[in-house]
């Protein structure tokens, strides 16, 4: 299998929890909201959206941590129970059917650059965004940005 066709794997820092993506992400967000800045301790978070049933747990037993979110509905962050690294999240809108994979936990994080930058109204001013990648002040309509095949996959899990 070539690097293009291998299924991406990820892990927490200590290696206790390992996982594999069995499909390509639906879409990838570079999120610049202040909540993501606080949660990551960085300027933004990069999340690859994928059907949860396409995330295969290879080792370990991650723990689900309920965490407040800007929407007020909260999110469930899936973390390693030992090193507490966030591996993915489930937000209230899609619930447990859609996982927001933390791209930085993938062994080849460079494979999935953001398809869009969101919540750029709170982007740190010293961080330039790449040309040619859509950027929106807050959020967007998936129907206007996602590829048709990603919309069809999402429709199968979120009626």
C-alpha atoms as a PDB file:
ATOM      1  CA  UNK A   1       0.000   0.000   0.000  1.00  0.00           C
ATOM      2  CA  UNK A   2       1.318   3.448  -0.855  1.00  0.00           C
ATOM      3  CA  UNK A   3       1.420   6.363   1.578  1.00  0.00           C
ATOM      4  CA  UNK A   4      -1.599   7.785  -0.287  1.00  0.00           C
ATOM      5  CA  UNK A   5      -3.741   4.709   0.402  1.00  0.00           C
ATOM      6  CA  UNK A   6      -2.620   3.624   3.859  1.00  0.00           C
ATOM      7  CA  UNK A   7      -5.124   4.186   6.612  1.00  0.00           C
ATOM      8  CA  UNK A   8      -3.897   6.955   8.915  1.00  0.00           C
ATOM      9  CA  UNK A   9      -3.152   6.055  12.512  1.00  0.00           C
ATOM     10  CA  UNK A  10      -2.955   8.247  15.564  1.00  0.00           C
ATOM     11  CA  UNK A  11      -2.117   8.016  19.242  1.00  0.00           C
ATOM     12  CA  UNK A  12      -1.892   9.938  22.453  1.00  0.00           C
ATOM     13  CA  UNK A  13       1.501  11.104  23.724  1.00  0.00           C
ATOM     14  CA  UNK A  14       2.162   8.112  25.977  1.00  0.00           C
ATOM     15  CA  UNK A  15       0.968   5.619  23.348  1.00  0.00           C
ATOM     16  CA  UNK A  16      -1.603   3.883  25.534  1.00  0.00           C
ATOM     17  CA  UNK A  17      -4.460   4.813  23.189  1.00  0.00           C
ATOM     18  CA  UNK A  18      -3.972   4.185  19.474  1.00  0.00           C
ATOM     19  CA  UNK A  19      -6.535   4.480  16.703  1.00  0.00           C
ATOM     20  CA  UNK A  20      -6.906   4.234  12.925  1.00  0.00           C
ATOM     21  CA  UNK A  21      -9.099   6.134  10.457  1.00  0.00           C
ATOM     22  CA  UNK A  22     -10.771   3.684   8.088  1.00  0.00           C
ATOM     23  CA  UNK A  23     -11.917   6.378   5.680  1.00  0.00           C
ATOM     24  CA  UNK A  24     -10.817   9.842   4.648  1.00  0.00           C
ATOM     25  CA  UNK A  25     -12.153  12.759   6.700  1.00  0.00           C
ATOM     26  CA  UNK A  26     -15.328  14.433   5.527  1.00  0.00           C
ATOM     27  CA  UNK A  27     -13.800  17.903   5.982  1.00  0.00           C
ATOM     28  CA  UNK A  28     -11.029  19.484   8.050  1.00  0.00           C
ATOM     29  CA  UNK A  29     -11.460  22.619  10.182  1.00  0.00           C
ATOM     30  CA  UNK A  30      -8.816  25.011  11.426  1.00  0.00           C
ATOM     31  CA  UNK A  31     -10.784  26.485  14.342  1.00  0.00           C
ATOM     32  CA  UNK A  32      -9.638  29.807  15.787  1.00  0.00           C
ATOM     33  CA  UNK A  33     -12.343  30.265  18.430  1.00  0.00           C
ATOM     34  CA  UNK A  34     -11.190  31.295  21.885  1.00  0.00           C
ATOM     35  CA  UNK A  35     -12.530  28.015  23.304  1.00  0.00           C
ATOM     36  CA  UNK A  36     -10.226  25.966  21.049  1.00  0.00           C
ATOM     37  CA  UNK A  37      -7.363  28.317  21.865  1.00  0.00           C
ATOM     38  CA  UNK A  38      -7.924  27.718  25.571  1.00  0.00           C
ATOM     39  CA  UNK A  39      -8.431  23.935  25.263  1.00  0.00           C
ATOM     40  CA  UNK A  40      -5.287  23.430  23.191  1.00  0.00           C
ATOM     41  CA  UNK A  41      -3.145  26.106  24.799  1.00  0.00           C
ATOM     42  CA  UNK A  42      -2.371  27.205  21.248  1.00  0.00           C
ATOM     43  CA  UNK A  43      -3.569  29.574  18.542  1.00  0.00           C
ATOM     44  CA  UNK A  44      -6.099  27.142  17.037  1.00  0.00           C
ATOM     45  CA  UNK A  45      -7.236  23.524  16.775  1.00  0.00           C
ATOM     46  CA  UNK A  46      -7.274  21.405  13.635  1.00  0.00           C
ATOM     47  CA  UNK A  47     -10.119  18.895  13.583  1.00  0.00           C
ATOM     48  CA  UNK A  48     -10.775  16.283  10.911  1.00  0.00           C
ATOM     49  CA  UNK A  49     -14.473  15.423  10.850  1.00  0.00           C
ATOM     50  CA  UNK A  50     -15.228  11.736  10.250  1.00  0.00           C
ATOM     51  CA  UNK A  51     -17.949   9.234  11.019  1.00  0.00           C
ATOM     52  CA  UNK A  52     -17.263   7.761  14.457  1.00  0.00           C
ATOM     53  CA  UNK A  53     -17.740   4.242  13.132  1.00  0.00           C
ATOM     54  CA  UNK A  54     -14.768   4.923  10.809  1.00  0.00           C
ATOM     55  CA  UNK A  55     -12.495   5.405  13.852  1.00  0.00           C
ATOM     56  CA  UNK A  56     -11.050   2.035  14.854  1.00  0.00           C
ATOM     57  CA  UNK A  57      -9.598   1.756  18.331  1.00  0.00           C
ATOM     58  CA  UNK A  58      -6.338  -0.212  18.112  1.00  0.00           C
ATOM     59  CA  UNK A  59      -5.315  -0.171  21.784  1.00  0.00           C
ATOM     60  CA  UNK A  60      -6.263   1.302  25.117  1.00  0.00           C
ATOM     61  CA  UNK A  61      -9.554   2.441  26.551  1.00  0.00           C
ATOM     62  CA  UNK A  62     -10.025   6.196  26.173  1.00  0.00           C
ATOM     63  CA  UNK A  63     -12.197   8.124  28.574  1.00  0.00           C
ATOM     64  CA  UNK A  64     -14.998  10.507  27.680  1.00  0.00           C
ATOM     65  CA  UNK A  65     -14.782  13.873  29.432  1.00  0.00           C
ATOM     66  CA  UNK A  66     -17.763  16.230  29.316  1.00  0.00           C
ATOM     67  CA  UNK A  67     -16.477  19.742  28.677  1.00  0.00           C
ATOM     68  CA  UNK A  68     -18.274  23.098  28.324  1.00  0.00           C
ATOM     69  CA  UNK A  69     -18.438  24.623  24.848  1.00  0.00           C
ATOM     70  CA  UNK A  70     -19.223  28.034  23.419  1.00  0.00           C
ATOM     71  CA  UNK A  71     -22.659  26.810  22.262  1.00  0.00           C
ATOM     72  CA  UNK A  72     -23.633  26.043  25.852  1.00  0.00           C
ATOM     73  CA  UNK A  73     -24.448  22.454  24.819  1.00  0.00           C
ATOM     74  CA  UNK A  74     -21.032  21.067  25.737  1.00  0.00           C
ATOM     75  CA  UNK A  75     -18.815  18.571  24.015  1.00  0.00           C
ATOM     76  CA  UNK A  76     -17.458  15.176  24.919  1.00  0.00           C
ATOM     77  CA  UNK A  77     -13.691  15.028  24.562  1.00  0.00           C
ATOM     78  CA  UNK A  78     -12.209  11.569  24.163  1.00  0.00           C
ATOM     79  CA  UNK A  79      -8.915  11.478  26.082  1.00  0.00           C
ATOM     80  CA  UNK A  80      -6.216   9.036  27.071  1.00  0.00           C
ATOM     81  CA  UNK A  81      -6.824   8.055  30.722  1.00  0.00           C
ATOM     82  CA  UNK A  82      -3.092   8.153  31.463  1.00  0.00           C
ATOM     83  CA  UNK A  83      -1.624  11.207  29.661  1.00  0.00           C
ATOM     84  CA  UNK A  84      -4.995  12.982  29.167  1.00  0.00           C
ATOM     85  CA  UNK A  85      -4.271  14.016  25.567  1.00  0.00           C
ATOM     86  CA  UNK A  86      -7.426  14.928  23.636  1.00  0.00           C
ATOM     87  CA  UNK A  87      -7.785  12.536  20.684  1.00  0.00           C
ATOM     88  CA  UNK A  88     -11.195  13.548  19.345  1.00  0.00           C
ATOM     89  CA  UNK A  89     -14.439  15.237  20.335  1.00  0.00           C
ATOM     90  CA  UNK A  90     -18.152  14.771  19.875  1.00  0.00           C
ATOM     91  CA  UNK A  91     -20.158  17.996  19.747  1.00  0.00           C
ATOM     92  CA  UNK A  92     -23.831  18.260  20.691  1.00  0.00           C
ATOM     93  CA  UNK A  93     -25.005  18.966  17.125  1.00  0.00           C
ATOM     94  CA  UNK A  94     -23.907  15.628  15.670  1.00  0.00           C
ATOM     95  CA  UNK A  95     -23.553  13.761  18.934  1.00  0.00           C
ATOM     96  CA  UNK A  96     -21.585  10.516  19.036  1.00  0.00           C
ATOM     97  CA  UNK A  97     -22.060   9.768  15.322  1.00  0.00           C
ATOM     98  CA  UNK A  98     -19.430  12.292  14.176  1.00  0.00           C
ATOM     99  CA  UNK A  99     -15.890  12.508  15.553  1.00  0.00           C
ATOM    100  CA  UNK A 100     -13.742  15.629  15.388  1.00  0.00           C
ATOM    101  CA  UNK A 101     -10.275  14.040  15.271  1.00  0.00           C
ATOM    102  CA  UNK A 102      -7.442  16.178  16.640  1.00  0.00           C
ATOM    103  CA  UNK A 103      -5.215  16.129  13.561  1.00  0.00           C
ATOM    104  CA  UNK A 104      -2.100  16.673  15.684  1.00  0.00           C
ATOM    105  CA  UNK A 105      -2.579  13.197  17.190  1.00  0.00           C
ATOM    106  CA  UNK A 106      -2.196  11.542  13.771  1.00  0.00           C
ATOM    107  CA  UNK A 107       1.200  10.059  12.920  1.00  0.00           C
ATOM    108  CA  UNK A 108       1.112  12.000   9.630  1.00  0.00           C
ATOM    109  CA  UNK A 109      -0.668  15.199  10.661  1.00  0.00           C
ATOM    110  CA  UNK A 110       0.540  16.999   7.528  1.00  0.00           C
ATOM    111  CA  UNK A 111      -1.698  14.732   5.463  1.00  0.00           C
ATOM    112  CA  UNK A 112      -4.840  16.635   6.482  1.00  0.00           C
ATOM    113  CA  UNK A 113      -4.446  20.428   6.233  1.00  0.00           C
ATOM    114  CA  UNK A 114      -7.536  22.552   6.933  1.00  0.00           C
ATOM    115  CA  UNK A 115     -10.162  22.753   4.189  1.00  0.00           C
ATOM    116  CA  UNK A 116     -11.499  25.877   5.907  1.00  0.00           C
ATOM    117  CA  UNK A 117     -10.542  28.208   8.762  1.00  0.00           C
ATOM    118  CA  UNK A 118     -13.461  28.995  11.070  1.00  0.00           C
ATOM    119  CA  UNK A 119     -14.071  31.585  13.784  1.00  0.00           C
ATOM    120  CA  UNK A 120     -11.386  33.782  12.323  1.00  0.00           C
ATOM    121  CA  UNK A 121     -12.939  36.833  13.986  1.00  0.00           C
ATOM    122  CA  UNK A 122     -11.121  35.663  17.133  1.00  0.00           C
ATOM    123  CA  UNK A 123      -7.959  34.528  15.318  1.00  0.00           C
ATOM    124  CA  UNK A 124      -4.800  35.766  16.956  1.00  0.00           C
ATOM    125  CA  UNK A 125      -3.644  38.783  14.947  1.00  0.00           C
ATOM    126  CA  UNK A 126      -0.070  37.597  14.468  1.00  0.00           C
ATOM    127  CA  UNK A 127      -1.122  34.336  12.788  1.00  0.00           C
ATOM    128  CA  UNK A 128      -1.320  34.563   8.985  1.00  0.00           C
ATOM    129  CA  UNK A 129      -3.735  32.261   7.172  1.00  0.00           C
ATOM    130  CA  UNK A 130      -2.743  30.478   3.966  1.00  0.00           C
ATOM    131  CA  UNK A 131      -3.938  31.926   0.692  1.00  0.00           C
ATOM    132  CA  UNK A 132      -6.414  29.846  -1.237  1.00  0.00           C
ATOM    133  CA  UNK A 133      -8.034  28.250   1.825  1.00  0.00           C
ATOM    134  CA  UNK A 134     -11.527  29.546   2.689  1.00  0.00           C
ATOM    135  CA  UNK A 135     -11.768  31.492   5.953  1.00  0.00           C
ATOM    136  CA  UNK A 136     -14.974  32.610   7.662  1.00  0.00           C
ATOM    137  CA  UNK A 137     -15.601  34.916  10.608  1.00  0.00           C
ATOM    138  CA  UNK A 138     -17.725  32.357  12.445  1.00  0.00           C
ATOM    139  CA  UNK A 139     -19.178  29.149  11.017  1.00  0.00           C
ATOM    140  CA  UNK A 140     -20.544  28.184   7.604  1.00  0.00           C
ATOM    141  CA  UNK A 141     -23.121  26.007   5.834  1.00  0.00           C
ATOM    142  CA  UNK A 142     -21.731  22.562   5.072  1.00  0.00           C
ATOM    143  CA  UNK A 143     -23.922  22.424   1.967  1.00  0.00           C
ATOM    144  CA  UNK A 144     -21.971  25.359   0.539  1.00  0.00           C
ATOM    145  CA  UNK A 145     -18.435  24.155   1.343  1.00  0.00           C
ATOM    146  CA  UNK A 146     -18.245  20.365   1.599  1.00  0.00           C
ATOM    147  CA  UNK A 147     -17.642  18.135  -1.418  1.00  0.00           C
ATOM    148  CA  UNK A 148     -20.745  16.223  -2.593  1.00  0.00           C
ATOM    149  CA  UNK A 149     -19.331  12.846  -1.494  1.00  0.00           C
ATOM    150  CA  UNK A 150     -18.771  14.167   2.050  1.00  0.00           C
ATOM    151  CA  UNK A 151     -22.311  15.551   2.177  1.00  0.00           C
ATOM    152  CA  UNK A 152     -23.654  12.155   1.072  1.00  0.00           C
ATOM    153  CA  UNK A 153     -21.655  10.344   3.758  1.00  0.00           C
ATOM    154  CA  UNK A 154     -22.863  12.777   6.416  1.00  0.00           C
ATOM    155  CA  UNK A 155     -26.475  12.345   5.269  1.00  0.00           C
ATOM    156  CA  UNK A 156     -26.189   8.588   5.911  1.00  0.00           C
ATOM    157  CA  UNK A 157     -25.409   9.149   9.591  1.00  0.00           C
ATOM    158  CA  UNK A 158     -27.241  12.400  10.342  1.00  0.00           C
ATOM    159  CA  UNK A 159     -30.775  12.322   8.910  1.00  0.00           C
END
